[in-house]
Amino acid sequence: MSFFFEFYKFLKIRKKYWLLPIIVILMLFGFLIVLTEGTAVAPFIYQLF
């Protein structure tokens, strides 16, 4: 959790708010990849892309 707090402080101090949506989307894609790695949901995810 300290990583997220430090990242938030970095964004706040450096005024790099445009990085936040990029990081969130990358985290969502990473979560999606981990979630569908070995499940039966994988064929349905592949249809989306």
N, C-alpha and C. Protein backbone atom coordinates (compact mmCIF):
# COMPACT_ATOMS: atom_id res chain seq x y z
N MET A 1 0.82 -1.20 0.00
CA MET A 1 0.00 0.00 0.00
C MET A 1 0.86 1.26 0.00
N SER A 2 2.06 1.17 0.49
CA SER A 2 2.92 2.36 0.53
C SER A 2 3.30 2.80 -0.89
N PHE A 3 3.37 1.83 -1.82
CA PHE A 3 3.67 2.19 -3.21
C PHE A 3 2.60 3.11 -3.78
N PHE A 4 1.34 2.77 -3.53
CA PHE A 4 0.24 3.59 -4.04
C PHE A 4 0.23 4.96 -3.39
N PHE A 5 0.55 5.02 -2.11
CA PHE A 5 0.60 6.31 -1.43
C PHE A 5 1.74 7.17 -1.98
N GLU A 6 2.89 6.57 -2.18
CA GLU A 6 4.01 7.32 -2.75
C GLU A 6 3.72 7.75 -4.19
N PHE A 7 3.07 6.89 -4.95
CA PHE A 7 2.71 7.26 -6.31
C PHE A 7 1.73 8.43 -6.32
N TYR A 8 0.78 8.41 -5.42
CA TYR A 8 -0.17 9.52 -5.31
C TYR A 8 0.54 10.82 -4.94
N LYS A 9 1.47 10.73 -4.01
CA LYS A 9 2.23 11.92 -3.63
C LYS A 9 3.05 12.44 -4.80
N PHE A 10 3.64 11.53 -5.58
CA PHE A 10 4.39 11.92 -6.76
C PHE A 10 3.50 12.67 -7.75
N LEU A 11 2.31 12.11 -8.01
CA LEU A 11 1.39 12.76 -8.95
C LEU A 11 0.96 14.14 -8.44
N LYS A 12 0.76 14.23 -7.16
CA LYS A 12 0.29 15.49 -6.58
C LYS A 12 1.38 16.55 -6.62
N ILE A 13 2.60 16.18 -6.29
CA ILE A 13 3.70 17.15 -6.24
C ILE A 13 4.13 17.56 -7.64
N ARG A 14 4.26 16.60 -8.53
CA ARG A 14 4.78 16.88 -9.89
C ARG A 14 3.70 17.33 -10.87
N LYS A 15 2.43 17.31 -10.42
CA LYS A 15 1.29 17.70 -11.28
C LYS A 15 1.21 16.84 -12.54
N LYS A 16 1.39 15.54 -12.37
CA LYS A 16 1.35 14.59 -13.48
C LYS A 16 0.03 13.80 -13.44
N TYR A 17 -1.08 14.49 -13.38
CA TYR A 17 -2.37 13.83 -13.28
C TYR A 17 -2.74 13.06 -14.54
N TRP A 18 -2.13 13.38 -15.66
CA TRP A 18 -2.43 12.68 -16.90
C TRP A 18 -1.92 11.24 -16.86
N LEU A 19 -1.01 10.91 -15.95
CA LEU A 19 -0.51 9.54 -15.83
C LEU A 19 -1.52 8.60 -15.17
N LEU A 20 -2.42 9.15 -14.38
CA LEU A 20 -3.35 8.32 -13.61
C LEU A 20 -4.23 7.43 -14.50
N PRO A 21 -4.87 7.94 -15.55
CA PRO A 21 -5.68 7.04 -16.39
C PRO A 21 -4.85 5.95 -17.08
N ILE A 22 -3.64 6.27 -17.47
CA ILE A 22 -2.78 5.28 -18.12
C ILE A 22 -2.46 4.15 -17.14
N ILE A 23 -2.10 4.50 -15.93
CA ILE A 23 -1.76 3.49 -14.92
C ILE A 23 -2.98 2.64 -14.57
N VAL A 24 -4.14 3.26 -14.46
CA VAL A 24 -5.36 2.51 -14.13
C VAL A 24 -5.70 1.52 -15.24
N ILE A 25 -5.60 1.94 -16.49
CA ILE A 25 -5.91 1.05 -17.61
C ILE A 25 -4.90 -0.10 -17.66
N LEU A 26 -3.62 0.18 -17.44
CA LEU A 26 -2.62 -0.88 -17.42
C LEU A 26 -2.88 -1.88 -16.29
N MET A 27 -3.29 -1.37 -15.13
CA MET A 27 -3.60 -2.27 -14.02
C MET A 27 -4.83 -3.13 -14.33
N LEU A 28 -5.83 -2.55 -14.98
CA LEU A 28 -7.01 -3.33 -15.35
C LEU A 28 -6.67 -4.43 -16.36
N PHE A 29 -5.85 -4.10 -17.35
CA PHE A 29 -5.42 -5.13 -18.31
C PHE A 29 -4.60 -6.21 -17.62
N GLY A 30 -3.74 -5.84 -16.70
CA GLY A 30 -2.96 -6.82 -15.95
C GLY A 30 -3.85 -7.73 -15.12
N PHE A 31 -4.85 -7.14 -14.47
CA PHE A 31 -5.79 -7.93 -13.68
C PHE A 31 -6.58 -8.87 -14.59
N LEU A 32 -6.97 -8.39 -15.76
CA LEU A 32 -7.71 -9.21 -16.71
C LEU A 32 -6.88 -10.39 -17.18
N ILE A 33 -5.61 -10.17 -17.43
CA ILE A 33 -4.72 -11.25 -17.87
C ILE A 33 -4.54 -12.28 -16.77
N VAL A 34 -4.34 -11.84 -15.55
CA VAL A 34 -4.18 -12.77 -14.42
C VAL A 34 -5.46 -13.54 -14.18
N LEU A 35 -6.59 -12.87 -14.30
CA LEU A 35 -7.88 -13.51 -14.05
C LEU A 35 -8.18 -14.60 -15.07
N THR A 36 -7.85 -14.36 -16.32
CA THR A 36 -8.21 -15.30 -17.39
C THR A 36 -7.10 -16.27 -17.75
N GLU A 37 -6.08 -16.33 -16.96
CA GLU A 37 -4.94 -17.17 -17.30
C GLU A 37 -5.31 -18.64 -17.40
N GLY A 38 -6.06 -19.15 -16.48
CA GLY A 38 -6.37 -20.58 -16.51
C GLY A 38 -7.83 -20.88 -16.27
N THR A 39 -8.70 -19.97 -16.60
CA THR A 39 -10.11 -20.19 -16.32
C THR A 39 -10.90 -20.46 -17.60
N ALA A 40 -12.16 -20.77 -17.42
CA ALA A 40 -13.04 -21.01 -18.55
C ALA A 40 -13.54 -19.70 -19.16
N VAL A 41 -13.18 -18.58 -18.57
CA VAL A 41 -13.62 -17.28 -19.06
C VAL A 41 -12.77 -16.82 -20.24
N ALA A 42 -11.60 -17.40 -20.41
CA ALA A 42 -10.65 -16.96 -21.42
C ALA A 42 -11.24 -16.90 -22.84
N PRO A 43 -12.00 -17.88 -23.32
CA PRO A 43 -12.53 -17.76 -24.68
C PRO A 43 -13.45 -16.55 -24.87
N PHE A 44 -14.17 -16.18 -23.83
CA PHE A 44 -15.08 -15.04 -23.93
C PHE A 44 -14.31 -13.73 -23.97
N ILE A 45 -13.20 -13.68 -23.25
CA ILE A 45 -12.36 -12.47 -23.26
C ILE A 45 -11.71 -12.30 -24.63
N TYR A 46 -11.30 -13.39 -25.26
CA TYR A 46 -10.64 -13.31 -26.56
C TYR A 46 -11.60 -12.78 -27.62
N GLN A 47 -12.88 -13.02 -27.45
CA GLN A 47 -13.86 -12.50 -28.41
C GLN A 47 -13.97 -10.99 -28.34
N LEU A 48 -13.68 -10.42 -27.19
CA LEU A 48 -13.77 -8.97 -27.04
C LEU A 48 -12.70 -8.26 -27.85
N PHE A 49 -11.56 -8.88 -28.00
CA PHE A 49 -10.46 -8.25 -28.71
C PHE A 49 -10.33 -8.86 -30.07
